Amino acid sequence: MTLTFDPARTDADIAAIAELARTIWYEYYVPLIGRDQVDYMVEKFQTAAAMQQQVREGYAYFTVRRDGSPIGYTAIRPDKDGSLFVSKFYLLREARGGGTGRAIMTFIEEWARQRDLGRLWLTVNKGNPAVQAYQRLGFRIAAPIVMDIGGGFVMDDYRMEKTLIQQ
């Protein structure tokens, strides 16, 4: 199994990630947060237009490929405080497990170290089984967060953090 992380450089790259996002969000998040909130969040945060705006704001998007086939995506953004925000970390159902998430996090950590960023942080829904997966990857729960995202919806998340040891 060979994993590659292809940076999104073109509008076509972003459009392909947005299509992947739509598939992943509807298969994974409907049981977790409900169809109405998934509809809202996909439209607000996971469309090509939303992703292009995020790129203009400093986010870097990567398509994750296994043996050449797209299986997920990640988006990260360096912050002025020397940390790296892991904004998006999503895999198709059939790609979960088997160390794929760990390999993606290793890529993200190396990306951060190359830029002298000493801490990773992310937000994750409190009811998401990924909380435990992130803990296995060395993240700790730093704080609960309830954030109004509009449309009558809130994100009821944990902020999780991981301090990187420079190598």
C-alpha atoms as a PDB file:
ATOM      1  CA  MET A   1       0.000   0.000   0.000  1.00  0.00           C
ATOM      2  CA  THR A   2       1.405   3.343  -1.039  1.00  0.00           C
ATOM      3  CA  LEU A   3      -0.122   6.527   0.336  1.00  0.00           C
ATOM      4  CA  THR A   4       0.483   9.853  -1.359  1.00  0.00           C
ATOM      5  CA  PHE A   5      -0.562  13.358  -0.364  1.00  0.00           C
ATOM      6  CA  ASP A   6      -1.235  15.484  -3.414  1.00  0.00           C
ATOM      7  CA  PRO A   7      -1.494  19.235  -2.793  1.00  0.00           C
ATOM      8  CA  ALA A   8      -4.548  20.890  -4.314  1.00  0.00           C
ATOM      9  CA  ARG A   9      -3.138  23.345  -6.841  1.00  0.00           C
ATOM     10  CA  THR A  10      -5.969  23.904  -9.294  1.00  0.00           C
ATOM     11  CA  ASP A  11      -9.705  24.559  -9.263  1.00  0.00           C
ATOM     12  CA  ALA A  12     -10.141  21.018 -10.616  1.00  0.00           C
ATOM     13  CA  ASP A  13      -8.194  19.614  -7.644  1.00  0.00           C
ATOM     14  CA  ILE A  14     -10.452  21.517  -5.233  1.00  0.00           C
ATOM     15  CA  ALA A  15     -13.599  20.402  -7.101  1.00  0.00           C
ATOM     16  CA  ALA A  16     -12.501  16.765  -6.814  1.00  0.00           C
ATOM     17  CA  ILE A  17     -11.899  17.182  -3.069  1.00  0.00           C
ATOM     18  CA  ALA A  18     -15.341  18.797  -2.669  1.00  0.00           C
ATOM     19  CA  GLU A  19     -16.938  15.789  -4.371  1.00  0.00           C
ATOM     20  CA  LEU A  20     -15.017  13.437  -2.076  1.00  0.00           C
ATOM     21  CA  ALA A  21     -16.120  15.560   0.901  1.00  0.00           C
ATOM     22  CA  ARG A  22     -19.762  15.219  -0.071  1.00  0.00           C
ATOM     23  CA  THR A  23     -19.481  11.418  -0.198  1.00  0.00           C
ATOM     24  CA  ILE A  24     -17.632  11.167   3.127  1.00  0.00           C
ATOM     25  CA  TRP A  25     -19.861  13.606   4.984  1.00  0.00           C
ATOM     26  CA  TYR A  26     -23.095  11.894   3.990  1.00  0.00           C
ATOM     27  CA  GLU A  27     -21.824   8.404   4.772  1.00  0.00           C
ATOM     28  CA  TYR A  28     -20.273   9.302   8.136  1.00  0.00           C
ATOM     29  CA  TYR A  29     -21.943  12.310   9.709  1.00  0.00           C
ATOM     30  CA  VAL A  30     -25.683  11.827   9.091  1.00  0.00           C
ATOM     31  CA  PRO A  31     -25.947   9.236  11.919  1.00  0.00           C
ATOM     32  CA  LEU A  32     -23.795  11.440  14.162  1.00  0.00           C
ATOM     33  CA  ILE A  33     -25.332  14.909  13.733  1.00  0.00           C
ATOM     34  CA  GLY A  34     -28.362  14.428  11.464  1.00  0.00           C
ATOM     35  CA  ARG A  35     -29.132  15.090   7.822  1.00  0.00           C
ATOM     36  CA  ASP A  36     -30.200  18.731   8.255  1.00  0.00           C
ATOM     37  CA  GLN A  37     -26.938  19.730   9.915  1.00  0.00           C
ATOM     38  CA  VAL A  38     -24.886  17.743   7.375  1.00  0.00           C
ATOM     39  CA  ASP A  39     -26.731  19.512   4.540  1.00  0.00           C
ATOM     40  CA  TYR A  40     -25.933  22.864   6.143  1.00  0.00           C
ATOM     41  CA  MET A  41     -22.281  22.113   6.951  1.00  0.00           C
ATOM     42  CA  VAL A  42     -21.495  20.594   3.552  1.00  0.00           C
ATOM     43  CA  GLU A  43     -22.914  23.676   1.848  1.00  0.00           C
ATOM     44  CA  LYS A  44     -21.154  26.098   4.201  1.00  0.00           C
ATOM     45  CA  PHE A  45     -17.736  24.428   4.600  1.00  0.00           C
ATOM     46  CA  GLN A  46     -17.241  21.587   2.104  1.00  0.00           C
ATOM     47  CA  THR A  47     -18.082  23.012  -1.332  1.00  0.00           C
ATOM     48  CA  ALA A  48     -15.460  23.937  -3.899  1.00  0.00           C
ATOM     49  CA  ALA A  49     -16.252  27.641  -3.377  1.00  0.00           C
ATOM     50  CA  ALA A  50     -15.843  27.337   0.423  1.00  0.00           C
ATOM     51  CA  MET A  51     -12.571  25.440  -0.011  1.00  0.00           C
ATOM     52  CA  GLN A  52     -11.228  27.979  -2.511  1.00  0.00           C
ATOM     53  CA  GLN A  53     -11.970  30.740   0.013  1.00  0.00           C
ATOM     54  CA  GLN A  54     -10.134  28.773   2.703  1.00  0.00           C
ATOM     55  CA  VAL A  55      -7.115  28.380   0.408  1.00  0.00           C
ATOM     56  CA  ARG A  56      -7.092  32.180  -0.028  1.00  0.00           C
ATOM     57  CA  GLU A  57      -7.079  32.395   3.790  1.00  0.00           C
ATOM     58  CA  GLY A  58      -3.962  30.217   4.095  1.00  0.00           C
ATOM     59  CA  TYR A  59      -5.287  26.665   4.216  1.00  0.00           C
ATOM     60  CA  ALA A  60      -3.409  23.902   2.383  1.00  0.00           C
ATOM     61  CA  TYR A  61      -5.537  21.050   1.010  1.00  0.00           C
ATOM     62  CA  PHE A  62      -4.225  17.586   0.158  1.00  0.00           C
ATOM     63  CA  THR A  63      -5.900  14.649  -1.547  1.00  0.00           C
ATOM     64  CA  VAL A  64      -4.927  11.404   0.153  1.00  0.00           C
ATOM     65  CA  ARG A  65      -4.434   8.588  -2.343  1.00  0.00           C
ATOM     66  CA  ARG A  66      -3.864   4.902  -1.794  1.00  0.00           C
ATOM     67  CA  ASP A  67      -2.137   3.279  -4.746  1.00  0.00           C
ATOM     68  CA  GLY A  68      -3.237   6.237  -6.876  1.00  0.00           C
ATOM     69  CA  SER A  69      -6.938   6.213  -5.916  1.00  0.00           C
ATOM     70  CA  PRO A  70      -8.387   9.061  -3.815  1.00  0.00           C
ATOM     71  CA  ILE A  71      -9.467   7.809  -0.380  1.00  0.00           C
ATOM     72  CA  GLY A  72      -9.694  11.036   1.613  1.00  0.00           C
ATOM     73  CA  TYR A  73      -8.447  14.534   2.154  1.00  0.00           C
ATOM     74  CA  THR A  74      -6.963  16.815   4.748  1.00  0.00           C
ATOM     75  CA  ALA A  75      -6.693  20.574   5.140  1.00  0.00           C
ATOM     76  CA  ILE A  76      -4.290  22.362   7.450  1.00  0.00           C
ATOM     77  CA  ARG A  77      -3.545  25.973   8.305  1.00  0.00           C
ATOM     78  CA  PRO A  78      -0.526  27.399  10.130  1.00  0.00           C
ATOM     79  CA  ASP A  79      -1.485  29.842  12.876  1.00  0.00           C
ATOM     80  CA  LYS A  80       0.448  32.922  13.975  1.00  0.00           C
ATOM     81  CA  ASP A  81       1.001  31.395  17.440  1.00  0.00           C
ATOM     82  CA  GLY A  82       3.280  28.690  15.979  1.00  0.00           C
ATOM     83  CA  SER A  83       0.643  25.964  15.886  1.00  0.00           C
ATOM     84  CA  LEU A  84      -0.968  24.084  13.036  1.00  0.00           C
ATOM     85  CA  PHE A  85      -4.741  23.813  12.778  1.00  0.00           C
ATOM     86  CA  VAL A  86      -5.820  20.446  11.387  1.00  0.00           C
ATOM     87  CA  SER A  87      -9.059  21.691   9.878  1.00  0.00           C
ATOM     88  CA  LYS A  88     -10.070  18.626   7.891  1.00  0.00           C
ATOM     89  CA  PHE A  89      -9.087  14.970   8.193  1.00  0.00           C
ATOM     90  CA  TYR A  90     -11.532  12.714   6.378  1.00  0.00           C
ATOM     91  CA  LEU A  91     -11.418   9.223   4.890  1.00  0.00           C
ATOM     92  CA  LEU A  92     -13.835   7.095   2.905  1.00  0.00           C
ATOM     93  CA  ARG A  93     -15.361   4.284   4.958  1.00  0.00           C
ATOM     94  CA  GLU A  94     -13.331   1.561   3.239  1.00  0.00           C
ATOM     95  CA  ALA A  95     -10.081   3.443   3.918  1.00  0.00           C
ATOM     96  CA  ARG A  96     -10.559   3.721   7.696  1.00  0.00           C
ATOM     97  CA  GLY A  97      -8.539   1.507   9.979  1.00  0.00           C
ATOM     98  CA  GLY A  98      -5.380  -0.362   9.173  1.00  0.00           C
ATOM     99  CA  GLY A  99      -3.106   2.548  10.066  1.00  0.00           C
ATOM    100  CA  THR A 100      -4.205   4.948   7.332  1.00  0.00           C
ATOM    101  CA  GLY A 101      -5.138   7.692   9.804  1.00  0.00           C
ATOM    102  CA  ARG A 102      -1.809   7.291  11.595  1.00  0.00           C
ATOM    103  CA  ALA A 103       0.039   7.628   8.276  1.00  0.00           C
ATOM    104  CA  ILE A 104      -1.864  10.820   7.458  1.00  0.00           C
ATOM    105  CA  MET A 105      -1.087  12.258  10.893  1.00  0.00           C
ATOM    106  CA  THR A 106       2.596  11.405  10.398  1.00  0.00           C
ATOM    107  CA  PHE A 107       2.504  13.390   7.145  1.00  0.00           C
ATOM    108  CA  ILE A 108       0.826  16.338   8.910  1.00  0.00           C
ATOM    109  CA  GLU A 109       3.320  16.253  11.786  1.00  0.00           C
ATOM    110  CA  GLU A 110       6.270  16.233   9.392  1.00  0.00           C
ATOM    111  CA  TRP A 111       4.741  19.136   7.437  1.00  0.00           C
ATOM    112  CA  ALA A 112       4.435  21.078  10.719  1.00  0.00           C
ATOM    113  CA  ARG A 113       7.981  20.266  11.857  1.00  0.00           C
ATOM    114  CA  GLN A 114       9.423  21.422   8.535  1.00  0.00           C
ATOM    115  CA  ARG A 115       7.845  24.816   9.263  1.00  0.00           C
ATOM    116  CA  ASP A 116       8.881  24.902  12.947  1.00  0.00           C
ATOM    117  CA  LEU A 117       5.295  24.597  14.145  1.00  0.00           C
ATOM    118  CA  GLY A 118       5.334  23.018  17.589  1.00  0.00           C
ATOM    119  CA  ARG A 119       1.708  22.117  18.232  1.00  0.00           C
ATOM    120  CA  LEU A 120      -1.215  20.609  16.347  1.00  0.00           C
ATOM    121  CA  TRP A 121      -4.803  21.344  17.228  1.00  0.00           C
ATOM    122  CA  LEU A 122      -8.191  20.336  15.887  1.00  0.00           C
ATOM    123  CA  THR A 123     -11.835  20.234  16.822  1.00  0.00           C
ATOM    124  CA  VAL A 124     -13.928  17.075  16.854  1.00  0.00           C
ATOM    125  CA  ASN A 125     -17.571  16.391  17.713  1.00  0.00           C
ATOM    126  CA  LYS A 126     -17.851  15.124  21.285  1.00  0.00           C
ATOM    127  CA  GLY A 127     -19.820  12.064  20.134  1.00  0.00           C
ATOM    128  CA  ASN A 128     -17.442  11.164  17.304  1.00  0.00           C
ATOM    129  CA  PRO A 129     -15.519   7.891  17.819  1.00  0.00           C
ATOM    130  CA  ALA A 130     -12.562   9.756  16.272  1.00  0.00           C
ATOM    131  CA  VAL A 131     -11.994  11.355  19.721  1.00  0.00           C
ATOM    132  CA  GLN A 132     -10.481   8.045  20.863  1.00  0.00           C
ATOM    133  CA  ALA A 133      -8.525   7.682  17.621  1.00  0.00           C
ATOM    134  CA  TYR A 134      -6.985  11.131  18.123  1.00  0.00           C
ATOM    135  CA  GLN A 135      -6.126  10.233  21.713  1.00  0.00           C
ATOM    136  CA  ARG A 136      -4.312   7.121  20.447  1.00  0.00           C
ATOM    137  CA  LEU A 137      -2.372   9.456  18.120  1.00  0.00           C
ATOM    138  CA  GLY A 138      -1.185  11.518  21.099  1.00  0.00           C
ATOM    139  CA  PHE A 139      -3.813  14.269  21.242  1.00  0.00           C
ATOM    140  CA  ARG A 140      -5.369  15.370  24.523  1.00  0.00           C
ATOM    141  CA  ILE A 141      -8.673  17.082  25.124  1.00  0.00           C
ATOM    142  CA  ALA A 142      -7.814  20.719  25.828  1.00  0.00           C
ATOM    143  CA  ALA A 143     -11.310  22.178  26.157  1.00  0.00           C
ATOM    144  CA  PRO A 144     -14.968  21.661  25.297  1.00  0.00           C
ATOM    145  CA  ILE A 145     -16.240  24.072  22.643  1.00  0.00           C
ATOM    146  CA  VAL A 146     -19.818  24.896  21.690  1.00  0.00           C
ATOM    147  CA  MET A 147     -19.814  27.097  18.595  1.00  0.00           C
ATOM    148  CA  ASP A 148     -22.812  28.618  16.835  1.00  0.00           C
ATOM    149  CA  ILE A 149     -22.263  28.028  13.108  1.00  0.00           C
ATOM    150  CA  GLY A 150     -25.472  29.670  11.939  1.00  0.00           C
ATOM    151  CA  GLY A 151     -28.583  28.164  10.441  1.00  0.00           C
ATOM    152  CA  GLY A 152     -29.781  27.214  13.927  1.00  0.00           C
ATOM    153  CA  PHE A 153     -26.904  24.747  14.355  1.00  0.00           C
ATOM    154  CA  VAL A 154     -24.053  24.467  16.838  1.00  0.00           C
ATOM    155  CA  MET A 155     -20.881  22.435  16.804  1.00  0.00           C
ATOM    156  CA  ASP A 156     -20.550  20.653  20.166  1.00  0.00           C
ATOM    157  CA  ASP A 157     -16.880  19.747  19.999  1.00  0.00           C
ATOM    158  CA  TYR A 158     -13.687  19.151  21.870  1.00  0.00           C
ATOM    159  CA  ARG A 159     -10.586  21.140  21.068  1.00  0.00           C
ATOM    160  CA  MET A 160      -7.780  18.595  21.017  1.00  0.00           C
ATOM    161  CA  GLU A 161      -4.077  19.386  21.005  1.00  0.00           C
ATOM    162  CA  LYS A 162      -0.783  17.618  20.516  1.00  0.00           C
ATOM    163  CA  THR A 163       2.634  19.069  21.244  1.00  0.00           C
ATOM    164  CA  LEU A 164       5.223  18.015  18.703  1.00  0.00           C
ATOM    165  CA  ILE A 165       8.665  16.910  19.751  1.00  0.00           C
ATOM    166  CA  GLN A 166      11.202  18.334  17.312  1.00  0.00           C
ATOM    167  CA  GLN A 167      13.261  15.599  15.670  1.00  0.00           C
END
